Amino acid sequence: MKFLRAFLAATALLATAAYAAPKDSVTIGIALEPPGLDPTTGAAASIGDIVHYNVFEGLTKIGDDFSVTPLLAESWTVSPDAKTLTFKLRKGVHFQNGEPLTSQDVKFSFERAAAADSTNKEKAFFQSIAAIDATDPDIVILTFKAPSFDALFHLGLNTAVIVEPKSAATNGANPVGAGPYKLAEWSRGSAVTLKKWDGYRDAGKVAIATATFRFINDSSA
């Protein structure tokens, strides 16, 4: 999970902070508190540090070596001219409010990101999509205006996570995704705590039960 990579990167900080925690919990120090928890509407990197791959997931996942692998998409094909990408969605995926993931959710998420009033920092990428076919609930077809050779990478960024339409407007304060963790508490000015979501499709493989992101903006603390 992304917070585990952040945990490893912050080892020196955590060693000095010496937080006591059960073996199934981690506490991670980050410098800045995010203004909200919806990565599709805010540009702050701290948003993605907390929620990307934890609360929210996208069609693809970017690895530490920048490789792209399936996530909410089980597989995909790319047309010879690199203008059409066809994604097969993973079955059995639900959002944390109980709604099932369908191609309509992908269409809603990407059209929302491309809208005139969108504040998504990758808005130009989403506006490069000419059409989104969501006729089949398990298949999404993206047609781009021009060849898009890096589309799979863009779709793995935190700006491209899939949101559930009914909860989209309130994701900034109460994020609802399809990832393995749910928001447990946001103590403004102090910390955000995520708890393992038992409804996750692979919940049995999630070893960390609680992750707390503590805001420490003083590097000498």
Protein backbone atom coordinates (compact mmCIF):
# COMPACT_ATOMS: atom_id res chain seq x y z
CA MET A 1 0.00 0.00 0.00
CA LYS A 2 1.13 3.55 -0.60
CA PHE A 3 1.30 4.42 3.09
CA LEU A 4 3.67 1.51 3.64
CA ARG A 5 6.08 2.99 1.11
CA ALA A 6 5.73 6.31 2.91
CA PHE A 7 6.37 4.48 6.18
CA LEU A 8 9.65 3.09 4.88
CA ALA A 9 10.70 6.48 3.55
CA ALA A 10 9.96 8.07 6.92
CA THR A 11 11.87 5.54 9.04
CA ALA A 12 14.33 8.09 10.39
CA LEU A 13 11.55 10.47 11.39
CA LEU A 14 9.54 7.75 13.08
CA ALA A 15 12.58 6.47 14.93
CA THR A 16 13.06 9.85 16.57
CA ALA A 17 9.37 10.27 17.26
CA ALA A 18 9.24 6.79 18.85
CA TYR A 19 5.49 6.31 18.58
CA ALA A 20 4.23 3.20 20.39
CA ALA A 21 1.74 1.20 18.35
CA PRO A 22 0.40 -2.35 18.17
CA LYS A 23 2.00 -4.63 15.61
CA ASP A 24 -0.95 -4.25 13.26
CA SER A 25 -0.79 -0.43 13.30
CA VAL A 26 1.53 2.21 11.88
CA THR A 27 1.97 5.92 12.53
CA ILE A 28 3.43 7.98 9.71
CA GLY A 29 4.68 11.53 9.97
CA ILE A 30 3.90 13.85 7.05
CA ALA A 31 4.82 17.51 6.77
CA LEU A 32 1.57 19.06 5.57
CA GLU A 33 -2.07 18.56 6.42
CA PRO A 34 -4.20 18.20 3.27
CA PRO A 35 -6.96 20.75 2.61
CA GLY A 36 -9.34 17.89 1.84
CA LEU A 37 -9.30 14.18 1.09
CA ASP A 38 -10.54 14.09 -2.51
CA PRO A 39 -7.51 13.80 -4.84
CA THR A 40 -9.69 14.44 -7.90
CA THR A 41 -10.48 18.02 -6.84
CA GLY A 42 -7.33 19.20 -5.05
CA ALA A 43 -3.71 19.46 -6.17
CA ALA A 44 -2.01 19.05 -2.78
CA ALA A 45 0.35 16.05 -2.79
CA SER A 46 -0.56 15.29 0.82
CA ILE A 47 -4.06 14.24 -0.28
CA GLY A 48 -2.74 11.39 -2.39
CA ASP A 49 -0.18 10.48 0.27
CA ILE A 50 -3.05 9.57 2.58
CA VAL A 51 -5.87 8.24 0.39
CA HIS A 52 -4.38 6.95 -2.87
CA TYR A 53 -4.41 3.12 -3.01
CA ASN A 54 -5.69 3.21 0.58
CA VAL A 55 -9.20 4.72 0.36
CA PHE A 56 -9.40 5.30 -3.39
CA GLU A 57 -8.29 3.14 -6.31
CA GLY A 58 -8.03 3.71 -10.06
CA LEU A 59 -8.14 1.48 -13.10
CA THR A 60 -4.38 0.98 -13.01
CA LYS A 61 -1.62 1.06 -10.39
CA ILE A 62 1.83 2.59 -10.70
CA GLY A 63 4.60 0.61 -9.04
CA ASP A 64 7.71 1.91 -7.31
CA ASP A 65 9.59 1.20 -10.54
CA PHE A 66 6.94 3.16 -12.51
CA SER A 67 5.53 0.01 -14.07
CA VAL A 68 1.77 -0.04 -14.64
CA THR A 69 -0.32 -2.99 -13.47
CA PRO A 70 -4.08 -3.71 -13.20
CA LEU A 71 -6.09 -2.51 -10.22
CA LEU A 72 -9.82 -1.86 -10.69
CA ALA A 73 -9.32 -2.89 -14.29
CA GLU A 74 -8.63 -6.59 -14.58
CA SER A 75 -7.12 -6.22 -18.05
CA TRP A 76 -7.04 -3.95 -21.08
CA THR A 77 -6.28 -3.79 -24.77
CA VAL A 78 -4.87 -0.88 -26.76
CA SER A 79 -5.78 -0.26 -30.39
CA PRO A 80 -2.95 -0.22 -32.97
CA ASP A 81 -3.28 3.56 -33.35
CA ALA A 82 -3.10 4.05 -29.54
CA LYS A 83 -6.33 6.04 -29.58
CA THR A 84 -8.70 3.46 -28.05
CA LEU A 85 -8.27 1.67 -24.74
CA THR A 86 -10.71 -1.07 -23.74
CA PHE A 87 -10.79 -2.00 -20.05
CA LYS A 88 -12.36 -5.06 -18.46
CA LEU A 89 -13.37 -4.19 -14.90
CA ARG A 90 -12.58 -6.43 -11.96
CA LYS A 91 -15.64 -8.32 -10.69
CA GLY A 92 -16.89 -8.24 -7.12
CA VAL A 93 -15.75 -4.68 -6.41
CA HIS A 94 -17.90 -2.49 -4.17
CA PHE A 95 -17.53 1.00 -2.84
CA GLN A 96 -17.49 1.56 0.90
CA ASN A 97 -21.14 2.69 0.82
CA GLY A 98 -22.17 -0.68 -0.61
CA GLU A 99 -22.61 0.36 -4.24
CA PRO A 100 -21.08 -1.97 -6.88
CA LEU A 101 -18.43 -0.69 -9.26
CA THR A 102 -19.66 -0.45 -12.87
CA SER A 103 -18.51 1.17 -16.06
CA GLN A 104 -20.93 4.03 -15.38
CA ASP A 105 -18.87 4.99 -12.31
CA VAL A 106 -15.76 5.22 -14.49
CA LYS A 107 -17.61 7.33 -17.03
CA PHE A 108 -18.95 9.61 -14.29
CA SER A 109 -15.50 10.01 -12.70
CA PHE A 110 -13.70 10.90 -15.93
CA GLU A 111 -16.42 13.20 -17.25
CA ARG A 112 -16.46 14.97 -13.88
CA ALA A 113 -12.69 15.41 -14.10
CA ALA A 114 -13.01 16.90 -17.60
CA ALA A 115 -15.93 19.24 -16.84
CA ALA A 116 -15.62 22.99 -17.30
CA ASP A 117 -15.78 23.58 -13.54
CA SER A 118 -13.35 20.76 -12.71
CA THR A 119 -10.38 21.58 -10.44
CA ASN A 120 -8.63 18.29 -11.22
CA LYS A 121 -4.94 19.03 -11.84
CA GLU A 122 -4.96 16.51 -14.73
CA LYS A 123 -8.02 18.14 -16.31
CA ALA A 124 -6.29 18.52 -19.69
CA PHE A 125 -5.67 14.77 -19.86
CA PHE A 126 -9.34 13.96 -19.23
CA GLN A 127 -10.40 16.54 -21.79
CA SER A 128 -8.27 14.68 -24.35
CA ILE A 129 -10.79 11.82 -24.17
CA ALA A 130 -13.20 12.12 -27.09
CA ALA A 131 -15.70 9.48 -25.94
CA ILE A 132 -16.38 7.03 -23.13
CA ASP A 133 -18.45 3.94 -23.92
CA ALA A 134 -20.00 2.42 -20.78
CA THR A 135 -22.73 0.37 -22.47
CA ASP A 136 -21.52 -2.88 -20.87
CA PRO A 137 -21.35 -2.58 -17.05
CA ASP A 138 -18.09 -4.56 -17.00
CA ILE A 139 -16.37 -2.88 -19.96
CA VAL A 140 -15.15 0.70 -20.42
CA ILE A 141 -13.93 1.94 -23.78
CA LEU A 142 -11.95 5.19 -23.85
CA THR A 143 -11.43 6.86 -27.21
CA PHE A 144 -8.88 9.67 -27.28
CA LYS A 145 -8.75 12.60 -29.67
CA ALA A 146 -5.15 11.74 -30.51
CA PRO A 147 -2.86 8.79 -29.79
CA SER A 148 -2.29 8.58 -26.03
CA PHE A 149 0.83 6.54 -25.37
CA ASP A 150 1.00 7.37 -21.67
CA ALA A 151 -2.71 7.00 -20.86
CA LEU A 152 -2.23 3.89 -18.71
CA PHE A 153 0.22 5.81 -16.51
CA HIS A 154 -2.12 8.81 -16.19
CA LEU A 155 -4.94 6.47 -15.19
CA GLY A 156 -2.82 5.23 -12.28
CA LEU A 157 -2.36 8.69 -10.77
CA ASN A 158 -4.40 9.81 -7.77
CA THR A 159 -6.24 12.28 -10.00
CA ALA A 160 -7.81 9.32 -11.86
CA VAL A 161 -9.30 7.38 -8.95
CA ILE A 162 -12.85 6.15 -9.45
CA VAL A 163 -15.46 7.80 -7.26
CA GLU A 164 -18.99 6.70 -6.44
CA PRO A 165 -21.42 9.29 -7.88
CA LYS A 166 -23.68 9.69 -4.84
CA SER A 167 -20.74 10.32 -2.52
CA ALA A 168 -18.58 12.40 -4.87
CA ALA A 169 -19.69 15.80 -3.59
CA THR A 170 -18.65 15.04 0.00
CA ASN A 171 -15.44 13.11 -0.63
CA GLY A 172 -13.36 16.04 0.54
CA ALA A 173 -14.42 15.55 4.15
CA ASN A 174 -15.84 12.02 4.07
CA PRO A 175 -14.07 10.01 1.35
CA VAL A 176 -15.83 6.93 0.00
CA GLY A 177 -13.73 4.74 -2.27
CA ALA A 178 -13.23 1.11 -3.22
CA GLY A 179 -9.89 0.71 -1.46
CA PRO A 180 -8.87 -1.37 1.59
CA TYR A 181 -9.15 1.45 4.15
CA LYS A 182 -11.90 3.76 5.37
CA LEU A 183 -11.58 7.10 7.09
CA ALA A 184 -11.92 6.55 10.84
CA GLU A 185 -11.10 10.03 12.12
CA TRP A 186 -9.75 13.36 10.96
CA SER A 187 -8.54 15.40 13.90
CA ARG A 188 -7.93 18.76 12.22
CA GLY A 189 -4.46 20.07 12.80
CA SER A 190 -3.30 16.77 14.29
CA ALA A 191 -3.84 13.55 12.33
CA VAL A 192 -5.91 11.42 9.95
CA THR A 193 -6.59 7.82 10.95
CA LEU A 194 -7.58 5.10 8.49
CA LYS A 195 -9.04 1.74 9.50
CA LYS A 196 -9.03 -1.49 7.55
CA TRP A 197 -12.31 -1.99 5.69
CA ASP A 198 -13.59 -5.52 6.18
CA GLY A 199 -15.73 -5.24 3.03
CA TYR A 200 -12.69 -4.95 0.78
CA ARG A 201 -12.46 -7.66 -1.86
CA ASP A 202 -9.08 -8.89 -0.55
CA ALA A 203 -9.50 -7.92 3.10
CA GLY A 204 -7.77 -11.08 4.29
CA LYS A 205 -4.54 -9.95 2.65
CA VAL A 206 -4.50 -6.57 4.41
CA ALA A 207 -2.13 -6.94 7.37
CA ILE A 208 -2.22 -3.40 8.77
CA ALA A 209 -5.44 -2.65 10.66
CA THR A 210 -4.85 1.01 11.50
CA ALA A 211 -2.75 3.71 9.87
CA THR A 212 -2.40 7.15 11.44
CA PHE A 213 -0.94 10.02 9.43
CA ARG A 214 0.34 12.60 11.92
CA PHE A 215 1.03 16.13 10.74
CA ILE A 216 4.51 17.31 11.76
CA ASN A 217 5.39 20.50 9.90
CA ASP A 218 8.41 21.29 12.08
CA SER A 219 11.33 19.29 10.68
CA SER A 220 13.14 19.54 14.01
CA ALA A 221 10.25 18.03 15.99
